[in-house]
Protein backbone atom coordinates (compact mmCIF):
# COMPACT_ATOMS: atom_id res chain seq x y z
CA MET A 1 -39.37 3.72 8.62
CA ALA A 2 -38.83 0.05 7.80
CA LEU A 3 -35.37 0.54 6.32
CA VAL A 4 -34.19 2.40 9.42
CA GLY A 5 -35.32 -0.54 11.50
CA VAL A 6 -33.43 -2.95 9.25
CA ALA A 7 -30.25 -0.90 9.28
CA LEU A 8 -30.18 0.00 12.98
CA GLY A 9 -32.08 -2.76 14.71
CA ALA A 10 -31.62 -5.91 12.68
CA ALA A 11 -28.17 -6.42 14.16
CA THR A 12 -29.75 -7.97 17.29
CA GLY A 13 -27.84 -11.14 17.87
CA ALA A 14 -25.36 -10.25 15.13
CA ALA A 15 -22.49 -10.62 17.54
CA GLU A 16 -23.52 -14.27 17.89
CA ALA A 17 -23.40 -14.91 14.15
CA ALA A 18 -20.96 -14.11 11.39
CA CYS A 19 -21.43 -10.81 9.59
CA PRO A 20 -22.75 -11.06 6.01
CA THR A 21 -20.15 -11.37 3.29
CA GLY A 22 -20.09 -10.89 -0.47
CA ARG A 23 -23.30 -9.70 -2.12
CA ALA A 24 -25.23 -9.85 1.18
CA ALA A 25 -22.77 -7.40 2.77
CA LEU A 26 -23.07 -5.01 -0.18
CA GLN A 27 -26.85 -5.19 0.05
CA ALA A 28 -26.71 -4.45 3.78
CA MET A 29 -24.54 -1.38 3.18
CA LEU A 30 -26.90 -0.09 0.48
CA ALA A 31 -29.89 -0.71 2.76
CA SER A 32 -28.13 1.44 5.35
CA GLU A 33 -27.68 4.20 2.75
CA TYR A 34 -31.39 4.18 1.94
CA ALA A 35 -32.29 4.12 5.63
CA PHE A 36 -29.95 7.07 6.21
CA ALA A 37 -31.66 9.05 3.44
CA GLU A 38 -35.12 8.09 4.70
CA LYS A 39 -34.35 9.24 8.23
CA ALA A 40 -33.11 12.58 6.84
CA GLN A 41 -36.67 13.31 5.72
CA THR A 42 -37.52 13.74 9.40
CA SER A 43 -34.30 15.44 10.53
CA VAL A 44 -31.08 15.92 8.57
CA SER A 45 -28.90 16.40 11.64
CA GLY A 46 -30.70 13.55 13.42
CA ALA A 47 -30.00 11.25 10.49
CA PHE A 48 -26.30 12.08 10.45
CA LEU A 49 -26.00 11.62 14.21
CA ALA A 50 -27.73 8.25 13.91
CA PHE A 51 -25.37 6.97 11.22
CA LEU A 52 -22.05 8.76 11.75
CA ALA A 53 -19.31 6.71 13.41
CA ASP A 54 -17.72 8.17 16.53
CA ASP A 55 -14.48 8.91 14.67
CA SER A 56 -16.13 10.05 11.44
CA LEU A 57 -15.05 13.00 9.32
CA VAL A 58 -17.16 15.21 7.05
CA LEU A 59 -16.11 17.81 4.50
CA ASN A 60 -17.45 21.06 5.93
CA PRO A 61 -15.85 22.26 3.67
CA ALA A 62 -12.47 21.04 5.02
CA PRO A 63 -12.29 17.69 6.85
CA GLN A 64 -13.81 18.07 10.32
CA PRO A 65 -15.07 15.68 13.04
CA GLY A 66 -18.50 14.68 11.78
CA ARG A 67 -20.46 14.31 15.00
CA ALA A 68 -19.35 17.72 16.28
CA VAL A 69 -20.52 19.35 13.02
CA TYR A 70 -24.02 17.90 13.29
CA HIS A 71 -24.36 18.38 17.05
CA ALA A 72 -23.81 22.09 16.32
CA ALA A 73 -26.15 22.18 13.28
CA LYS A 74 -29.26 24.35 13.55
CA SER A 75 -32.67 22.83 12.93
CA SER A 76 -34.25 23.71 9.59
CA ALA A 77 -37.34 22.95 7.53
CA ASP A 78 -35.20 22.64 4.39
CA ARG A 79 -35.25 19.23 2.68
CA LEU A 80 -32.27 17.10 1.69
CA GLU A 81 -32.86 14.06 -0.51
CA TRP A 82 -30.39 11.60 -2.02
CA TYR A 83 -29.93 8.05 -3.25
CA PRO A 84 -26.95 5.88 -4.29
CA SER A 85 -26.21 5.32 -7.97
CA ILE A 86 -22.90 3.48 -7.43
CA GLY A 87 -21.38 1.57 -4.54
CA ASP A 88 -18.91 -1.17 -3.73
CA ILE A 89 -17.32 -2.96 -0.78
CA SER A 90 -14.00 -4.56 0.06
CA SER A 91 -13.54 -8.30 -0.36
CA SER A 92 -13.40 -8.56 3.44
CA ALA A 93 -16.85 -6.89 3.57
CA ASP A 94 -15.93 -4.37 6.27
CA LEU A 95 -15.40 -1.17 4.25
CA GLY A 96 -17.33 0.29 1.34
CA PHE A 97 -18.44 3.45 -0.40
CA THR A 98 -21.53 4.90 -2.03
CA SER A 99 -22.15 7.87 -4.27
CA GLY A 100 -25.10 9.43 -6.02
CA PRO A 101 -27.08 12.63 -6.60
CA TRP A 102 -28.46 14.85 -3.86
CA LEU A 103 -31.18 17.51 -4.01
CA TYR A 104 -31.53 20.31 -1.45
CA THR A 105 -34.78 22.29 -1.35
CA ALA A 106 -34.83 25.55 0.62
CA VAL A 107 -37.97 26.37 2.60
CA PRO A 108 -39.71 28.74 2.10
CA GLY A 109 -39.36 29.55 -1.58
CA GLY A 110 -38.57 26.10 -2.88
CA LYS A 111 -35.22 27.02 -4.48
CA GLN A 112 -33.33 23.87 -5.32
CA TYR A 113 -29.64 23.00 -5.30
CA HIS A 114 -28.00 19.92 -6.82
CA GLY A 115 -24.86 17.91 -6.30
CA HIS A 116 -23.33 14.50 -5.67
CA PHE A 117 -22.35 12.89 -2.38
CA LEU A 118 -19.47 10.56 -1.65
CA THR A 119 -19.67 8.44 1.50
CA VAL A 120 -17.28 5.87 2.98
CA TRP A 121 -18.95 3.22 5.15
CA LYS A 122 -17.33 1.04 7.79
CA ARG A 123 -18.88 -2.03 9.41
CA ASP A 124 -18.73 -2.06 13.21
CA ALA A 125 -18.31 -4.96 15.63
CA GLU A 126 -22.08 -5.58 15.63
CA CYS A 127 -22.20 -5.83 11.81
CA ARG A 128 -23.85 -2.42 11.46
CA TRP A 129 -22.69 -0.06 8.74
CA ARG A 130 -21.62 3.37 9.95
CA VAL A 131 -20.53 6.47 8.01
CA GLU A 132 -16.77 6.86 8.31
CA LEU A 133 -16.42 9.80 5.90
CA ASP A 134 -18.95 11.99 4.11
CA GLY A 135 -18.43 14.68 1.50
CA GLY A 136 -19.70 15.80 -1.85
CA THR A 137 -19.88 18.41 -4.55
CA SER A 138 -22.44 20.93 -5.80
CA HIS A 139 -23.27 21.62 -9.44
CA ALA A 140 -26.05 22.73 -11.76
CA ALA A 141 -29.11 20.57 -12.31
CA PRO A 142 -28.06 17.45 -14.21
CA SER A 143 -29.33 16.91 -17.73
CA SER A 144 -30.48 13.35 -16.99
CA VAL A 145 -31.59 11.28 -14.02
CA GLU A 146 -29.19 8.62 -12.75
CA PRO A 147 -30.75 5.23 -12.04
CA LYS A 148 -30.93 4.19 -8.41
CA LEU A 149 -28.70 1.39 -7.21
CA ARG A 150 -31.12 -0.82 -5.30
CA PRO A 151 -29.80 -3.42 -2.84
CA ALA A 152 -31.48 -6.32 -4.62
CA GLU A 153 -30.01 -5.26 -7.98
CA ALA A 154 -26.47 -4.41 -6.87
CA PRO A 155 -23.84 -6.10 -9.05
CA PHE A 156 -21.11 -7.86 -7.12
CA THR A 157 -18.05 -9.78 -8.25
CA ALA A 158 -15.91 -11.42 -5.60
CA ALA A 159 -12.25 -10.49 -5.98
CA ASP A 160 -9.20 -12.50 -5.03
CA SER A 161 -7.26 -11.13 -2.09
CA PRO A 162 -3.85 -9.49 -2.59
CA SER A 163 -0.80 -11.68 -2.17
CA PRO A 164 0.85 -11.86 1.27
CA ILE A 165 3.96 -10.25 -0.24
CA ALA A 166 1.97 -7.26 -1.52
CA LEU A 167 0.35 -6.85 1.88
CA SER A 168 3.63 -7.16 3.76
CA HIS A 169 5.14 -4.41 1.59
CA ASP A 170 2.03 -2.20 1.94
CA ALA A 171 1.59 -2.04 -1.83
CA ALA A 172 -1.69 -0.14 -1.39
CA GLY A 173 -0.03 2.62 0.61
CA GLN A 174 2.87 2.71 -1.82
CA ALA A 175 0.50 3.18 -4.78
CA LEU A 176 -1.13 6.13 -3.01
CA SER A 177 2.24 7.67 -2.18
CA ASP A 178 3.52 7.18 -5.73
CA PHE A 179 0.35 8.78 -7.14
CA GLU A 180 0.76 11.87 -4.96
CA SER A 181 4.44 12.15 -5.87
CA THR A 182 3.60 11.86 -9.57
CA VAL A 183 1.00 14.63 -9.23
CA GLN A 184 3.60 16.89 -7.63
CA ARG A 185 6.23 16.08 -10.24
CA ASP A 186 4.28 15.59 -13.49
CA GLY A 187 0.71 16.77 -12.85
CA PHE A 188 -2.63 15.01 -12.58
CA ALA A 189 -2.89 13.85 -16.19
CA SER A 190 0.24 11.69 -15.91
CA ALA A 191 -0.70 10.47 -12.45
CA LEU A 192 -4.19 9.41 -13.51
CA ARG A 193 -2.91 7.63 -16.61
CA ALA A 194 -0.65 5.58 -14.37
CA TYR A 195 -2.87 5.02 -11.32
CA GLY A 196 -6.53 5.66 -12.25
CA ARG A 197 -8.74 2.63 -12.84
CA ARG A 198 -9.70 2.48 -16.48
CA ALA A 199 -13.22 1.05 -16.33
CA ASP A 200 -14.84 2.74 -13.35
CA PHE A 201 -12.80 5.78 -12.27
CA ARG A 202 -14.82 8.85 -11.21
CA PHE A 203 -13.69 12.42 -10.65
CA TYR A 204 -15.70 14.87 -8.51
CA THR A 205 -15.29 18.62 -8.14
CA ASP A 206 -17.61 21.55 -7.42
CA GLY A 207 -19.32 22.95 -10.49
CA GLN A 208 -19.11 19.68 -12.44
CA THR A 209 -21.26 16.59 -12.61
CA PRO A 210 -19.12 13.46 -12.00
CA ILE A 211 -16.65 12.81 -14.80
CA ASP A 212 -16.22 9.19 -15.83
CA GLY A 213 -13.02 7.74 -17.20
CA VAL A 214 -9.39 8.66 -16.80
CA ALA A 215 -9.32 10.45 -20.17
CA ALA A 216 -12.19 12.75 -19.20
CA ALA A 217 -10.67 13.57 -15.82
CA SER A 218 -7.26 14.15 -17.35
CA SER A 219 -8.81 16.54 -19.89
CA TYR A 220 -10.47 18.54 -17.13
CA LEU A 221 -7.39 18.61 -14.95
CA ASN A 222 -5.19 19.61 -17.89
CA ALA A 223 -7.34 22.73 -18.20
CA HIS A 224 -7.25 23.26 -14.40
CA ALA A 225 -3.64 22.52 -13.53
CA ILE A 226 -2.97 21.73 -9.88
CA ALA A 227 0.35 20.70 -8.37
CA GLY A 228 1.23 20.97 -4.73
CA ALA A 229 1.59 19.39 -1.32
CA TRP A 230 -0.76 16.76 0.10
CA LYS A 231 -1.64 16.93 3.80
CA GLU A 232 -3.51 13.84 4.95
CA ALA A 233 -6.06 14.16 7.77
CA ALA A 234 -7.03 10.49 7.96
CA ARG A 235 -6.60 7.18 6.18
CA GLY A 236 -8.54 3.96 6.51
CA ARG A 237 -8.53 0.55 4.89
CA SER A 238 -10.38 -2.73 4.97
CA ALA A 239 -9.04 -5.72 6.87
CA ASP A 240 -7.72 -7.24 3.64
CA SER A 241 -6.57 -3.89 2.17
CA THR A 242 -8.67 -4.34 -0.98
CA LEU A 243 -10.30 -0.94 -0.32
CA MET A 244 -8.61 2.13 1.14
CA TYR A 245 -9.42 5.82 1.48
CA SER A 246 -7.47 8.98 2.25
CA VAL A 247 -8.84 12.42 3.10
CA GLY A 248 -7.11 15.76 3.66
CA GLU A 249 -6.07 18.97 1.95
CA LEU A 250 -4.04 19.69 -1.18
CA THR A 251 -2.24 23.05 -1.42
CA ASP A 252 -1.42 24.29 -4.92
CA SER A 253 2.17 25.56 -4.94
CA SER A 254 1.47 27.99 -7.81
CA ASP A 255 -1.06 30.19 -5.99
CA GLN A 256 -1.32 28.65 -2.50
CA SER A 257 -4.99 27.81 -3.04
CA THR A 258 -6.20 24.80 -1.05
CA ARG A 259 -8.58 21.97 -1.89
CA ALA A 260 -10.15 19.30 0.22
CA PHE A 261 -9.50 15.86 -1.25
CA VAL A 262 -10.83 12.35 -0.94
CA GLN A 263 -9.12 9.39 -2.61
CA ILE A 264 -10.63 5.90 -2.76
CA TRP A 265 -8.31 3.09 -3.82
CA GLN A 266 -9.41 -0.41 -4.80
CA TYR A 267 -7.48 -3.59 -5.49
CA ASP A 268 -7.71 -4.91 -9.04
CA PRO A 269 -6.95 -8.66 -9.12
CA LYS A 270 -6.48 -8.59 -12.91
CA ALA A 271 -3.70 -6.01 -12.59
CA THR A 272 -2.62 -7.43 -9.19
CA ASN A 273 -2.30 -3.85 -8.02
CA TRP A 274 -4.32 -0.99 -6.53
CA GLY A 275 -5.97 1.67 -8.68
CA LEU A 276 -7.58 5.01 -7.87
CA ARG A 277 -11.35 4.43 -8.03
CA VAL A 278 -12.60 7.87 -6.94
CA LEU A 279 -10.95 11.28 -6.62
CA LEU A 280 -12.73 14.30 -5.13
CA LEU A 281 -11.15 17.78 -5.17
CA ASN A 282 -13.10 20.73 -3.77
CA PRO A 283 -11.71 24.29 -3.58
CA LEU A 284 -11.67 25.71 -0.05
CA PRO A 285 -12.43 29.38 0.61
CA ARG A 286 -9.44 31.63 1.09
CA THR A 287 -10.65 32.44 4.59
CA HIS A 288 -9.96 28.82 5.50
CA GLN A 289 -6.27 29.05 4.53
């Protein structure tokens, strides 16, 4: 359990020294992800309770307080395995996210289920990374295996911070608000063309492996039109606002169906603006509504 020791115990004396920044901070977050997954091999609920922040939320299937969900979870011999295939952090190195495939094996019988997770991590006062938000999707077995994103191999490019004017006008929050208004008025395709990041946008929904690129997501969402009201449950951002997330529920005005959503926004210094990096939309059962 070496990784668990690194992630949970190596912060001894961290309060006396500066927290890692840049690539070192990204590597520490990814090490925490691997330690989290390793601990889950002993106990899934125990792993979540070890890594969930006190104020964390999980999609279950709607946003709910994470620690309460796993305190109430029943013990099981079933296995849950996962690893990160993508991840990134804010320039201030205090907020980040990871995503990758998960595999659930039911015991007895060995029936397997597949999907992708999406986790938002927040660094605490002792420089430890804690899960701020956790969700994911389920889908059929993927046709190929995604490469693991190992801490030592994680690509990192330092980004310039937003201008003081952009921060004073809450340009990040305005981009999110404008995106949601555009979805309500013109639909997702138009909103993603305007606000989705071109190079690294990802769309997640149940029944689909992650869809890369704004064009792919727009094509899917054109065939599955959704337009309605956004109800935010929580929002968080890094100290420098280069990374921000929002989680809540989206109600479709056409049929009153409801979806849990997660948005992750990231500052793009080349565009000097914020773009939507990740969008997750998961249908909620009618009994929830």
